[in-house]
Amino acid sequence: MRPLGLSYRRILLDVDLERLTPGLEGVVLEIGAKVMARGRWRPRRDRVRRWVRVDLEAGERPDVVADAQGLPLRDASVDWVVCVEVLQYVVSPEAAMREIARVLVPGGTAVLTVPFFHRADGPTDRHRFTEMRARELVETAGLRTLALATQGRFFTTLANQLRQGAAHVASRPARWLVGAGLAPLTALLLVLDGLGPVRRSPFLSSFATGFVALARKG
């Protein structure tokens, strides 16, 4: 059973990250690296020559303390960039994307995730991204979109809010009871989200918890 604090967005995100990143290799730059892993995605590293962790906070013990908007790396020096749930926090996502494009080798790949219909996670949580905005970020930086995966539709966004609300009930016994009571409802909502009429509905499919983009340079 998954921990109540693990959002449906994160669960779906992990599935898409696993599916889209089987080819990590060479020099990998991870932007927004944290000491405590978020979610359950554990990228394969058997073909990775070097994994460079970058974060703005020294307390996260990165290899390099730096802002995503000004990466202290040479042009065309990394084969992959992993930037998971970071761009919503930076002042200028466009500047960060230009830096990602700059440090990638020709033919290099970036995997990026951004939220859309999701709660604010902290005081520096600045941005939300539609599908169009996610594509624009990738392509105006000079990268090519290889894939853009959507994490959920209308009913998943609703289930996600209910799950997160239950996770933040102050009393532990009450939190457990609320979570257990919501489980059948949220399971039903996830099933509804997978139905053909929902997938085909312009309205219901316009909702998403967020997106994963796979992009290539050149």
N, C-alpha and C. Protein backbone atom coordinates (compact mmCIF):
# COMPACT_ATOMS: atom_id res chain seq x y z
N MET A 1 0.85 -1.20 0.00
CA MET A 1 0.00 0.00 0.00
C MET A 1 0.89 1.25 0.00
N ARG A 2 0.59 2.19 -0.89
CA ARG A 2 1.41 3.38 -1.01
C ARG A 2 1.15 4.33 0.15
N PRO A 3 2.19 5.04 0.63
CA PRO A 3 2.00 6.02 1.70
C PRO A 3 0.99 7.08 1.27
N LEU A 4 0.14 7.51 2.21
CA LEU A 4 -0.90 8.49 1.89
C LEU A 4 -0.29 9.81 1.41
N GLY A 5 0.89 10.14 1.90
CA GLY A 5 1.53 11.39 1.51
C GLY A 5 2.08 11.39 0.10
N LEU A 6 2.12 10.23 -0.56
CA LEU A 6 2.60 10.13 -1.94
C LEU A 6 1.43 10.46 -2.86
N SER A 7 1.51 11.61 -3.53
CA SER A 7 0.39 12.07 -4.35
C SER A 7 0.22 11.19 -5.59
N TYR A 8 -0.99 11.21 -6.15
CA TYR A 8 -1.20 10.49 -7.40
C TYR A 8 -0.33 11.08 -8.51
N ARG A 9 -0.09 12.37 -8.44
CA ARG A 9 0.83 12.96 -9.43
C ARG A 9 2.19 12.27 -9.37
N ARG A 10 2.72 12.11 -8.17
CA ARG A 10 4.03 11.51 -8.03
C ARG A 10 4.04 10.05 -8.48
N ILE A 11 2.96 9.34 -8.18
CA ILE A 11 2.87 7.93 -8.59
C ILE A 11 2.89 7.82 -10.12
N LEU A 12 2.09 8.65 -10.80
CA LEU A 12 2.04 8.63 -12.26
C LEU A 12 3.34 9.15 -12.86
N LEU A 13 3.94 10.13 -12.20
CA LEU A 13 5.21 10.69 -12.63
C LEU A 13 6.30 9.62 -12.64
N ASP A 14 6.35 8.83 -11.60
CA ASP A 14 7.35 7.78 -11.51
C ASP A 14 7.20 6.76 -12.65
N VAL A 15 5.95 6.43 -12.98
CA VAL A 15 5.70 5.48 -14.08
C VAL A 15 6.21 6.04 -15.40
N ASP A 16 5.91 7.31 -15.67
CA ASP A 16 6.34 7.92 -16.93
C ASP A 16 7.85 8.12 -16.99
N LEU A 17 8.45 8.48 -15.87
CA LEU A 17 9.91 8.63 -15.84
C LEU A 17 10.60 7.30 -16.12
N GLU A 18 10.09 6.23 -15.55
CA GLU A 18 10.65 4.90 -15.78
C GLU A 18 10.53 4.52 -17.26
N ARG A 19 9.40 4.83 -17.85
CA ARG A 19 9.14 4.47 -19.24
C ARG A 19 9.98 5.28 -20.23
N LEU A 20 10.21 6.55 -19.92
CA LEU A 20 10.85 7.45 -20.88
C LEU A 20 12.37 7.54 -20.75
N THR A 21 12.95 6.96 -19.68
CA THR A 21 14.39 7.15 -19.47
C THR A 21 15.17 5.85 -19.36
N PRO A 22 14.94 4.90 -20.26
CA PRO A 22 15.74 3.67 -20.18
C PRO A 22 17.15 3.85 -20.71
N GLY A 23 17.41 4.96 -21.41
CA GLY A 23 18.69 5.12 -22.10
C GLY A 23 19.66 6.07 -21.44
N LEU A 24 19.52 6.33 -20.14
CA LEU A 24 20.47 7.22 -19.47
C LEU A 24 21.89 6.68 -19.61
N GLU A 25 22.80 7.56 -20.07
CA GLU A 25 24.18 7.11 -20.27
C GLU A 25 25.11 8.31 -20.32
N GLY A 26 26.40 8.03 -20.28
CA GLY A 26 27.40 9.08 -20.36
C GLY A 26 27.41 9.95 -19.13
N VAL A 27 27.51 11.27 -19.34
CA VAL A 27 27.50 12.23 -18.24
C VAL A 27 26.06 12.73 -18.06
N VAL A 28 25.53 12.55 -16.86
CA VAL A 28 24.16 12.96 -16.54
C VAL A 28 24.20 14.10 -15.54
N LEU A 29 23.48 15.16 -15.86
CA LEU A 29 23.34 16.30 -14.95
C LEU A 29 21.95 16.26 -14.34
N GLU A 30 21.90 16.16 -13.02
CA GLU A 30 20.62 16.20 -12.31
C GLU A 30 20.46 17.57 -11.66
N ILE A 31 19.45 18.31 -12.08
CA ILE A 31 19.18 19.64 -11.54
C ILE A 31 18.09 19.53 -10.48
N GLY A 32 18.37 20.09 -9.31
CA GLY A 32 17.42 19.99 -8.21
C GLY A 32 17.57 18.69 -7.44
N ALA A 33 18.81 18.26 -7.26
CA ALA A 33 19.10 17.00 -6.57
C ALA A 33 18.88 17.16 -5.06
N LYS A 34 18.15 16.23 -4.48
CA LYS A 34 17.84 16.28 -3.06
C LYS A 34 18.45 15.09 -2.32
N VAL A 35 18.74 15.29 -1.04
CA VAL A 35 19.28 14.20 -0.22
C VAL A 35 18.24 13.09 -0.11
N MET A 36 16.99 13.49 0.20
CA MET A 36 15.91 12.52 0.34
C MET A 36 15.22 12.34 -1.00
N ALA A 37 15.22 11.12 -1.50
CA ALA A 37 14.61 10.85 -2.79
C ALA A 37 13.10 11.09 -2.73
N ARG A 38 12.57 11.67 -3.80
CA ARG A 38 11.13 11.90 -3.90
C ARG A 38 10.53 10.86 -4.81
N GLY A 39 9.48 10.22 -4.36
CA GLY A 39 8.87 9.18 -5.17
C GLY A 39 9.70 7.91 -5.20
N ARG A 40 9.37 7.02 -6.13
CA ARG A 40 10.01 5.70 -6.18
C ARG A 40 10.83 5.47 -7.44
N TRP A 41 10.92 6.49 -8.29
CA TRP A 41 11.73 6.33 -9.50
C TRP A 41 13.20 6.32 -9.14
N ARG A 42 13.88 5.24 -9.54
CA ARG A 42 15.32 5.11 -9.33
C ARG A 42 15.97 4.84 -10.68
N PRO A 43 16.51 5.86 -11.33
CA PRO A 43 17.04 5.68 -12.67
C PRO A 43 18.19 4.68 -12.72
N ARG A 44 18.22 3.92 -13.80
CA ARG A 44 19.33 2.98 -14.01
C ARG A 44 20.61 3.76 -14.28
N ARG A 45 21.71 3.29 -13.71
CA ARG A 45 22.99 4.00 -13.88
C ARG A 45 24.08 3.10 -14.42
N ASP A 46 23.72 1.94 -14.94
CA ASP A 46 24.75 1.00 -15.39
C ASP A 46 25.53 1.52 -16.60
N ARG A 47 24.95 2.44 -17.38
CA ARG A 47 25.67 3.01 -18.53
C ARG A 47 26.09 4.46 -18.30
N VAL A 48 25.90 4.92 -17.07
CA VAL A 48 26.26 6.30 -16.73
C VAL A 48 27.73 6.37 -16.33
N ARG A 49 28.47 7.24 -16.98
CA ARG A 49 29.89 7.41 -16.66
C ARG A 49 30.08 8.34 -15.46
N ARG A 50 29.27 9.39 -15.41
CA ARG A 50 29.36 10.34 -14.31
C ARG A 50 28.00 10.97 -14.07
N TRP A 51 27.60 11.06 -12.81
CA TRP A 51 26.33 11.66 -12.43
C TRP A 51 26.63 12.91 -11.60
N VAL A 52 26.27 14.08 -12.14
CA VAL A 52 26.56 15.35 -11.48
C VAL A 52 25.28 15.91 -10.88
N ARG A 53 25.30 16.12 -9.58
CA ARG A 53 24.12 16.61 -8.86
C ARG A 53 24.27 18.11 -8.60
N VAL A 54 23.27 18.88 -9.02
CA VAL A 54 23.28 20.33 -8.85
C VAL A 54 22.06 20.75 -8.06
N ASP A 55 22.27 21.62 -7.08
CA ASP A 55 21.14 22.18 -6.34
C ASP A 55 21.54 23.56 -5.80
N LEU A 56 20.54 24.39 -5.57
CA LEU A 56 20.78 25.74 -5.08
C LEU A 56 21.13 25.75 -3.60
N GLU A 57 20.69 24.71 -2.87
CA GLU A 57 20.90 24.65 -1.43
C GLU A 57 22.07 23.74 -1.08
N ALA A 58 23.06 24.29 -0.39
CA ALA A 58 24.24 23.50 0.00
C ALA A 58 23.86 22.38 0.96
N GLY A 59 22.79 22.60 1.73
CA GLY A 59 22.34 21.58 2.69
C GLY A 59 21.89 20.28 2.04
N GLU A 60 21.59 20.32 0.74
CA GLU A 60 21.21 19.10 0.03
C GLU A 60 22.43 18.30 -0.42
N ARG A 61 23.62 18.81 -0.11
CA ARG A 61 24.89 18.15 -0.41
C ARG A 61 25.06 17.79 -1.90
N PRO A 62 24.81 18.76 -2.79
CA PRO A 62 25.02 18.48 -4.21
C PRO A 62 26.51 18.48 -4.55
N ASP A 63 26.85 18.01 -5.72
CA ASP A 63 28.23 18.11 -6.21
C ASP A 63 28.56 19.56 -6.55
N VAL A 64 27.56 20.30 -7.03
CA VAL A 64 27.73 21.69 -7.42
C VAL A 64 26.57 22.51 -6.86
N VAL A 65 26.88 23.57 -6.14
CA VAL A 65 25.84 24.49 -5.66
C VAL A 65 25.64 25.55 -6.73
N ALA A 66 24.48 25.57 -7.34
CA ALA A 66 24.25 26.52 -8.43
C ALA A 66 22.76 26.65 -8.70
N ASP A 67 22.43 27.77 -9.33
CA ASP A 67 21.06 28.05 -9.78
C ASP A 67 20.88 27.46 -11.17
N ALA A 68 19.72 26.89 -11.44
CA ALA A 68 19.44 26.32 -12.76
C ALA A 68 19.52 27.36 -13.86
N GLN A 69 19.38 28.64 -13.49
CA GLN A 69 19.42 29.72 -14.48
C GLN A 69 20.84 30.14 -14.86
N GLY A 70 21.83 29.58 -14.16
CA GLY A 70 23.23 29.91 -14.44
C GLY A 70 24.11 28.73 -14.09
N LEU A 71 24.10 27.69 -14.89
CA LEU A 71 24.84 26.47 -14.60
C LEU A 71 26.34 26.66 -14.86
N PRO A 72 27.18 26.38 -13.87
CA PRO A 72 28.63 26.56 -14.05
C PRO A 72 29.28 25.37 -14.75
N LEU A 73 28.76 25.01 -15.91
CA LEU A 73 29.28 23.91 -16.71
C LEU A 73 29.59 24.41 -18.11
N ARG A 74 30.52 23.74 -18.76
CA ARG A 74 30.91 24.11 -20.12
C ARG A 74 29.78 23.81 -21.11
N ASP A 75 29.80 24.53 -22.22
CA ASP A 75 28.88 24.23 -23.31
C ASP A 75 29.08 22.78 -23.76
N ALA A 76 27.98 22.12 -24.14
CA ALA A 76 28.03 20.78 -24.71
C ALA A 76 28.89 19.82 -23.89
N SER A 77 28.60 19.76 -22.59
CA SER A 77 29.43 18.94 -21.69
C SER A 77 28.68 17.77 -21.05
N VAL A 78 27.36 17.65 -21.27
CA VAL A 78 26.61 16.55 -20.65
C VAL A 78 25.74 15.86 -21.70
N ASP A 79 25.53 14.56 -21.49
CA ASP A 79 24.73 13.76 -22.42
C ASP A 79 23.25 13.77 -22.09
N TRP A 80 22.95 13.84 -20.80
CA TRP A 80 21.56 13.85 -20.33
C TRP A 80 21.40 14.93 -19.26
N VAL A 81 20.22 15.54 -19.25
CA VAL A 81 19.82 16.41 -18.14
C VAL A 81 18.53 15.85 -17.54
N VAL A 82 18.53 15.70 -16.23
CA VAL A 82 17.34 15.27 -15.49
C VAL A 82 16.89 16.45 -14.64
N CYS A 83 15.71 16.97 -14.93
CA CYS A 83 15.20 18.15 -14.22
C CYS A 83 13.76 17.86 -13.81
N VAL A 84 13.61 17.28 -12.63
CA VAL A 84 12.30 16.80 -12.16
C VAL A 84 11.72 17.74 -11.11
N GLU A 85 10.59 18.35 -11.44
CA GLU A 85 9.85 19.23 -10.51
C GLU A 85 10.73 20.36 -9.98
N VAL A 86 11.37 21.07 -10.89
CA VAL A 86 12.26 22.18 -10.55
C VAL A 86 11.80 23.50 -11.16
N LEU A 87 11.37 23.45 -12.41
CA LEU A 87 11.12 24.69 -13.16
C LEU A 87 10.03 25.56 -12.56
N GLN A 88 9.15 24.98 -11.76
CA GLN A 88 8.12 25.81 -11.12
C GLN A 88 8.69 26.72 -10.03
N TYR A 89 9.90 26.44 -9.58
CA TYR A 89 10.50 27.21 -8.49
C TYR A 89 11.43 28.32 -8.96
N VAL A 90 11.97 28.21 -10.17
CA VAL A 90 12.95 29.21 -10.62
C VAL A 90 12.23 30.47 -11.09
N VAL A 91 12.92 31.60 -10.97
CA VAL A 91 12.30 32.86 -11.37
C VAL A 91 11.99 32.85 -12.86
N SER A 92 12.93 32.37 -13.67
CA SER A 92 12.74 32.36 -15.12
C SER A 92 12.95 30.94 -15.66
N PRO A 93 11.87 30.18 -15.87
CA PRO A 93 12.02 28.86 -16.48
C PRO A 93 12.67 28.92 -17.85
N GLU A 94 12.42 30.03 -18.58
CA GLU A 94 13.02 30.18 -19.91
C GLU A 94 14.54 30.23 -19.82
N ALA A 95 15.07 30.96 -18.82
CA ALA A 95 16.51 31.04 -18.64
C ALA A 95 17.09 29.67 -18.27
N ALA A 96 16.39 28.94 -17.42
CA ALA A 96 16.84 27.61 -17.04
C ALA A 96 16.86 26.67 -18.24
N MET A 97 15.85 26.77 -19.10
CA MET A 97 15.81 25.91 -20.28
C MET A 97 16.94 26.26 -21.25
N ARG A 98 17.26 27.53 -21.37
CA ARG A 98 18.39 27.91 -22.25
C ARG A 98 19.70 27.32 -21.72
N GLU A 99 19.85 27.30 -20.41
CA GLU A 99 21.04 26.70 -19.81
C GLU A 99 21.09 25.19 -20.04
N ILE A 100 19.94 24.55 -19.92
CA ILE A 100 19.87 23.11 -20.18
C ILE A 100 20.28 22.81 -21.62
N ALA A 101 19.75 23.60 -22.56
CA ALA A 101 20.10 23.41 -23.97
C ALA A 101 21.59 23.67 -24.20
N ARG A 102 22.13 24.65 -23.52
CA ARG A 102 23.54 25.02 -23.72
C ARG A 102 24.48 23.91 -23.29
N VAL A 103 24.22 23.28 -22.14
CA VAL A 103 25.16 22.29 -21.61
C VAL A 103 25.01 20.92 -22.26
N LEU A 104 23.90 20.68 -22.96
CA LEU A 104 23.72 19.39 -23.64
C LEU A 104 24.62 19.28 -24.86
N VAL A 105 25.17 18.09 -25.09
CA VAL A 105 25.89 17.82 -26.32
C VAL A 105 24.90 17.74 -27.47
N PRO A 106 25.32 17.97 -28.71
CA PRO A 106 24.42 17.72 -29.84
C PRO A 106 23.93 16.27 -29.80
N GLY A 107 22.64 16.09 -29.90
CA GLY A 107 22.06 14.76 -29.77
C GLY A 107 21.76 14.37 -28.33
N GLY A 108 22.13 15.24 -27.37
CA GLY A 108 21.84 14.98 -25.97
C GLY A 108 20.36 15.09 -25.66
N THR A 109 19.97 14.51 -24.53
CA THR A 109 18.55 14.41 -24.18
C THR A 109 18.28 14.99 -22.81
N ALA A 110 17.12 15.61 -22.67
CA ALA A 110 16.69 16.13 -21.37
C ALA A 110 15.33 15.54 -21.02
N VAL A 111 15.15 15.19 -19.76
CA VAL A 111 13.84 14.79 -19.26
C VAL A 111 13.43 15.83 -18.23
N LEU A 112 12.25 16.42 -18.43
CA LEU A 112 11.78 17.54 -17.63
C LEU A 112 10.36 17.24 -17.14
N THR A 113 10.07 17.59 -15.90
CA THR A 113 8.71 17.45 -15.43
C THR A 113 8.24 18.77 -14.84
N VAL A 114 6.97 19.10 -15.10
CA VAL A 114 6.38 20.34 -14.60
C VAL A 114 4.95 20.07 -14.15
N PRO A 115 4.48 20.75 -13.10
CA PRO A 115 3.11 20.55 -12.63
C PRO A 115 2.12 21.47 -13.34
N PHE A 116 0.87 21.06 -13.35
CA PHE A 116 -0.20 21.93 -13.85
C PHE A 116 -1.27 22.09 -12.77
N PHE A 117 -2.17 21.11 -12.64
CA PHE A 117 -3.23 21.22 -11.64
C PHE A 117 -2.75 20.54 -10.36
N HIS A 118 -2.06 21.29 -9.54
CA HIS A 118 -1.42 20.72 -8.35
C HIS A 118 -1.21 21.84 -7.34
N ARG A 119 -1.25 21.49 -6.07
CA ARG A 119 -1.15 22.49 -5.01
C ARG A 119 0.23 23.16 -5.02
N ALA A 120 0.31 24.37 -4.44
CA ALA A 120 1.60 25.04 -4.26
C ALA A 120 2.37 24.32 -3.16
N ASP A 121 3.61 23.96 -3.46
CA ASP A 121 4.40 23.16 -2.52
C ASP A 121 5.30 23.97 -1.60
N GLY A 122 5.30 25.28 -1.71
CA GLY A 122 6.14 26.08 -0.83
C GLY A 122 6.13 27.53 -1.25
N PRO A 123 6.79 28.39 -0.48
CA PRO A 123 6.76 29.83 -0.73
C PRO A 123 7.42 30.26 -2.03
N THR A 124 8.30 29.43 -2.59
CA THR A 124 8.95 29.80 -3.86
C THR A 124 8.34 29.06 -5.06
N ASP A 125 7.21 28.42 -4.85
CA ASP A 125 6.52 27.71 -5.93
C ASP A 125 5.79 28.75 -6.78
N ARG A 126 6.36 29.08 -7.95
CA ARG A 126 5.92 30.26 -8.71
C ARG A 126 5.05 29.97 -9.92
N HIS A 127 5.24 28.81 -10.57
CA HIS A 127 4.67 28.63 -11.91
C HIS A 127 3.86 27.34 -12.03
N ARG A 128 2.89 27.37 -12.96
CA ARG A 128 2.19 26.18 -13.42
C ARG A 128 2.21 26.19 -14.95
N PHE A 129 2.18 24.99 -15.54
CA PHE A 129 2.44 24.87 -16.97
C PHE A 129 1.35 24.05 -17.66
N THR A 130 0.73 24.64 -18.68
CA THR A 130 -0.17 23.88 -19.54
C THR A 130 0.66 23.04 -20.51
N GLU A 131 -0.01 22.18 -21.27
CA GLU A 131 0.71 21.38 -22.27
C GLU A 131 1.40 22.28 -23.29
N MET A 132 0.69 23.31 -23.74
CA MET A 132 1.28 24.24 -24.70
C MET A 132 2.51 24.95 -24.12
N ARG A 133 2.40 25.35 -22.86
CA ARG A 133 3.53 26.05 -22.22
C ARG A 133 4.73 25.13 -22.08
N ALA A 134 4.49 23.87 -21.75
CA ALA A 134 5.58 22.91 -21.63
C ALA A 134 6.29 22.74 -22.97
N ARG A 135 5.54 22.64 -24.04
CA ARG A 135 6.14 22.51 -25.38
C ARG A 135 6.93 23.77 -25.74
N GLU A 136 6.35 24.93 -25.44
CA GLU A 136 7.04 26.18 -25.76
C GLU A 136 8.36 26.29 -25.02
N LEU A 137 8.39 25.90 -23.76
CA LEU A 137 9.64 25.96 -23.00
C LEU A 137 10.73 25.14 -23.65
N VAL A 138 10.36 23.94 -24.09
CA VAL A 138 11.33 23.05 -24.73
C VAL A 138 11.79 23.63 -26.06
N GLU A 139 10.85 24.02 -26.89
CA GLU A 139 11.17 24.34 -28.27
C GLU A 139 11.76 25.74 -28.45
N THR A 140 11.38 26.69 -27.60
CA THR A 140 12.01 28.01 -27.71
C THR A 140 13.45 28.00 -27.21
N ALA A 141 13.82 26.96 -26.46
CA ALA A 141 15.22 26.81 -26.04
C ALA A 141 16.06 26.15 -27.12
N GLY A 142 15.41 25.74 -28.22
CA GLY A 142 16.15 25.12 -29.31
C GLY A 142 16.20 23.61 -29.25
N LEU A 143 15.38 23.02 -28.37
CA LEU A 143 15.31 21.57 -28.27
C LEU A 143 14.11 21.05 -29.05
N ARG A 144 14.12 19.75 -29.33
CA ARG A 144 13.03 19.11 -30.05
C ARG A 144 12.26 18.19 -29.10
N THR A 145 10.95 18.30 -29.07
CA THR A 145 10.13 17.47 -28.20
C THR A 145 10.01 16.07 -28.78
N LEU A 146 10.49 15.08 -28.06
CA LEU A 146 10.37 13.69 -28.48
C LEU A 146 9.09 13.06 -27.96
N ALA A 147 8.71 13.44 -26.73
CA ALA A 147 7.50 12.90 -26.12
C ALA A 147 7.02 13.89 -25.06
N LEU A 148 5.71 13.92 -24.89
CA LEU A 148 5.13 14.74 -23.83
C LEU A 148 4.01 13.93 -23.20
N ALA A 149 4.25 13.42 -22.00
CA ALA A 149 3.30 12.56 -21.31
C ALA A 149 2.50 13.36 -20.29
N THR A 150 1.21 13.06 -20.21
CA THR A 150 0.29 13.74 -19.31
C THR A 150 0.00 12.84 -18.11
N GLN A 151 0.08 13.40 -16.91
CA GLN A 151 -0.21 12.62 -15.71
C GLN A 151 -1.66 12.87 -15.27
N GLY A 152 -2.55 12.07 -15.82
CA GLY A 152 -3.95 12.11 -15.41
C GLY A 152 -4.80 13.08 -16.21
N ARG A 153 -6.12 12.96 -15.98
CA ARG A 153 -7.10 13.87 -16.57
C ARG A 153 -7.99 14.41 -15.45
N PHE A 154 -9.21 14.77 -15.77
CA PHE A 154 -10.08 15.43 -14.80
C PHE A 154 -10.23 14.64 -13.49
N PHE A 155 -10.56 13.35 -13.61
CA PHE A 155 -10.85 12.58 -12.41
C PHE A 155 -9.60 12.29 -11.58
N THR A 156 -8.44 12.19 -12.24
CA THR A 156 -7.21 12.01 -11.48
C THR A 156 -6.85 13.27 -10.71
N THR A 157 -7.07 14.43 -11.32
CA THR A 157 -6.78 15.67 -10.58
C THR A 157 -7.67 15.77 -9.35
N LEU A 158 -8.92 15.32 -9.47
CA LEU A 158 -9.83 15.32 -8.33
C LEU A 158 -9.37 14.33 -7.27
N ALA A 159 -9.02 13.12 -7.69
CA ALA A 159 -8.52 12.11 -6.76
C ALA A 159 -7.25 12.58 -6.07
N ASN A 160 -6.39 13.28 -6.81
CA ASN A 160 -5.14 13.79 -6.25
C ASN A 160 -5.40 14.79 -5.14
N GLN A 161 -6.37 15.67 -5.34
CA GLN A 161 -6.70 16.65 -4.31
C GLN A 161 -7.27 15.98 -3.06
N LEU A 162 -8.12 15.00 -3.25
CA LEU A 162 -8.70 14.28 -2.11
C LEU A 162 -7.60 13.55 -1.32
N ARG A 163 -6.69 12.91 -2.04
CA ARG A 163 -5.60 12.18 -1.37
C ARG A 163 -4.70 13.13 -0.59
N GLN A 164 -4.35 14.26 -1.20
CA GLN A 164 -3.49 15.21 -0.51
C GLN A 164 -4.20 15.85 0.68
N GLY A 165 -5.51 16.09 0.52
CA GLY A 165 -6.27 16.61 1.66
C GLY A 165 -6.26 15.65 2.82
N ALA A 166 -6.45 14.36 2.54
CA ALA A 166 -6.42 13.35 3.60
C ALA A 166 -5.05 13.26 4.25
N ALA A 167 -4.00 13.40 3.45
CA ALA A 167 -2.63 13.30 3.97
C ALA A 167 -2.31 14.43 4.94
N HIS A 168 -3.06 15.52 4.88
CA HIS A 168 -2.77 16.68 5.74
C HIS A 168 -3.76 16.84 6.88
N VAL A 169 -4.55 15.82 7.15
CA VAL A 169 -5.37 15.82 8.38
C VAL A 169 -4.42 15.72 9.57
N ALA A 170 -4.57 16.60 10.53
CA ALA A 170 -3.58 16.72 11.62
C ALA A 170 -3.51 15.48 12.50
N SER A 171 -4.63 14.94 12.89
CA SER A 171 -4.65 13.78 13.78
C SER A 171 -4.33 12.51 13.02
N ARG A 172 -3.38 11.74 13.52
CA ARG A 172 -2.98 10.52 12.81
C ARG A 172 -4.12 9.50 12.71
N PRO A 173 -4.85 9.20 13.80
CA PRO A 173 -5.98 8.27 13.66
C PRO A 173 -7.05 8.77 12.69
N ALA A 174 -7.36 10.07 12.77
CA ALA A 174 -8.34 10.63 11.85
C ALA A 174 -7.84 10.59 10.41
N ARG A 175 -6.53 10.84 10.23
CA ARG A 175 -5.94 10.79 8.90
C ARG A 175 -6.07 9.40 8.31
N TRP A 176 -5.82 8.40 9.14
CA TRP A 176 -5.93 7.01 8.67
C TRP A 176 -7.38 6.69 8.28
N LEU A 177 -8.32 7.11 9.10
CA LEU A 177 -9.74 6.84 8.82
C LEU A 177 -10.20 7.54 7.54
N VAL A 178 -9.81 8.80 7.40
CA VAL A 178 -10.19 9.55 6.19
C VAL A 178 -9.58 8.90 4.95
N GLY A 179 -8.31 8.54 5.06
CA GLY A 179 -7.63 7.92 3.93
C GLY A 179 -8.26 6.60 3.54
N ALA A 180 -8.60 5.78 4.53
CA ALA A 180 -9.24 4.49 4.26
C ALA A 180 -10.62 4.68 3.64
N GLY A 181 -11.35 5.69 4.14
CA GLY A 181 -12.68 5.95 3.61
C GLY A 181 -12.65 6.46 2.18
N LEU A 182 -11.60 7.21 1.84
CA LEU A 182 -11.49 7.76 0.49
C LEU A 182 -10.97 6.76 -0.53
N ALA A 183 -10.32 5.71 -0.07
CA ALA A 183 -9.65 4.78 -0.99
C ALA A 183 -10.57 4.23 -2.08
N PRO A 184 -11.79 3.75 -1.75
CA PRO A 184 -12.65 3.24 -2.83
C PRO A 184 -13.06 4.33 -3.83
N LEU A 185 -13.33 5.54 -3.30
CA LEU A 185 -13.73 6.64 -4.18
C LEU A 185 -12.61 7.04 -5.12
N THR A 186 -11.40 7.20 -4.59
CA THR A 186 -10.29 7.62 -5.44
C THR A 186 -9.94 6.52 -6.45
N ALA A 187 -10.08 5.25 -6.04
CA ALA A 187 -9.84 4.16 -6.99
C ALA A 187 -10.84 4.22 -8.15
N LEU A 188 -12.09 4.53 -7.83
CA LEU A 188 -13.11 4.67 -8.87
C LEU A 188 -12.79 5.84 -9.80
N LEU A 189 -12.34 6.95 -9.23
CA LEU A 189 -12.01 8.12 -10.04
C LEU A 189 -10.89 7.81 -11.03
N LEU A 190 -9.91 7.04 -10.58
CA LEU A 190 -8.81 6.68 -11.47
C LEU A 190 -9.29 5.79 -12.61
N VAL A 191 -10.22 4.90 -12.32
CA VAL A 191 -10.79 4.05 -13.37
C VAL A 191 -11.55 4.90 -14.37
N LEU A 192 -12.35 5.83 -13.88
CA LEU A 192 -13.12 6.72 -14.76
C LEU A 192 -12.20 7.48 -15.71
N ASP A 193 -11.05 7.90 -15.21
CA ASP A 193 -10.11 8.68 -16.01
C ASP A 193 -9.59 7.90 -17.22
N GLY A 194 -9.61 6.57 -17.12
CA GLY A 194 -9.09 5.75 -18.21
C GLY A 194 -10.12 5.39 -19.25
N LEU A 195 -11.38 5.77 -19.06
CA LEU A 195 -12.43 5.41 -20.01
C LEU A 195 -12.30 6.21 -21.30
N GLY A 196 -12.69 5.58 -22.41
CA GLY A 196 -12.59 6.21 -23.71
C GLY A 196 -13.28 7.56 -23.82
N PRO A 197 -14.53 7.68 -23.34
CA PRO A 197 -15.21 8.97 -23.44
C PRO A 197 -14.48 10.10 -22.69
N VAL A 198 -13.80 9.74 -21.59
CA VAL A 198 -13.03 10.75 -20.85
C VAL A 198 -11.79 11.14 -21.64
N ARG A 199 -11.11 10.15 -22.20
CA ARG A 199 -9.90 10.43 -22.99
C ARG A 199 -10.22 11.29 -24.21
N ARG A 200 -11.41 11.07 -24.78
CA ARG A 200 -11.78 11.80 -26.00
C ARG A 200 -12.43 13.16 -25.73
N SER A 201 -12.81 13.41 -24.49
CA SER A 201 -13.48 14.66 -24.16
C SER A 201 -12.49 15.82 -24.12
N PRO A 202 -12.69 16.84 -24.96
CA PRO A 202 -11.79 18.01 -24.91
C PRO A 202 -11.78 18.67 -23.53
N PHE A 203 -12.94 18.66 -22.86
CA PHE A 203 -13.01 19.29 -21.54
C PHE A 203 -12.31 18.43 -20.48
N LEU A 204 -12.71 17.17 -20.34
CA LEU A 204 -12.16 16.32 -19.28
C LEU A 204 -10.67 16.04 -19.47
N SER A 205 -10.24 15.98 -20.72
CA SER A 205 -8.81 15.71 -20.97
C SER A 205 -7.97 16.98 -20.93
N SER A 206 -8.62 18.14 -20.73
CA SER A 206 -7.84 19.38 -20.61
C SER A 206 -7.27 19.56 -19.21
N PHE A 207 -7.70 18.72 -18.27
CA PHE A 207 -7.15 18.74 -16.91
C PHE A 207 -5.97 17.77 -16.85
N ALA A 208 -4.97 18.10 -16.06
CA ALA A 208 -3.83 17.21 -15.84
C ALA A 208 -3.13 17.64 -14.56
N THR A 209 -2.52 16.69 -13.87
CA THR A 209 -1.71 17.08 -12.71
C THR A 209 -0.39 17.70 -13.16
N GLY A 210 0.05 17.34 -14.39
CA GLY A 210 1.29 17.89 -14.91
C GLY A 210 1.78 17.09 -16.10
N PHE A 211 3.04 17.34 -16.47
CA PHE A 211 3.57 16.75 -17.71
C PHE A 211 5.03 16.33 -17.53
N VAL A 212 5.41 15.30 -18.30
CA VAL A 212 6.81 14.90 -18.46
C VAL A 212 7.18 15.12 -19.91
N ALA A 213 8.24 15.86 -20.16
CA ALA A 213 8.71 16.10 -21.52
C ALA A 213 10.06 15.43 -21.71
N LEU A 214 10.21 14.77 -22.84
CA LEU A 214 11.49 14.22 -23.26
C LEU A 214 11.92 15.03 -24.47
N ALA A 215 13.10 15.64 -24.41
CA ALA A 215 13.53 16.58 -25.45
C ALA A 215 14.96 16.27 -25.87
N ARG A 216 15.25 16.58 -27.12
CA ARG A 216 16.59 16.30 -27.67
C ARG A 216 17.17 17.55 -28.31
N LYS A 217 18.48 17.67 -28.19
CA LYS A 217 19.18 18.79 -28.82
C LYS A 217 19.64 18.39 -30.22
N GLY A 218 19.19 19.13 -31.21
CA GLY A 218 19.60 18.85 -32.57
C GLY A 218 18.81 17.75 -33.23
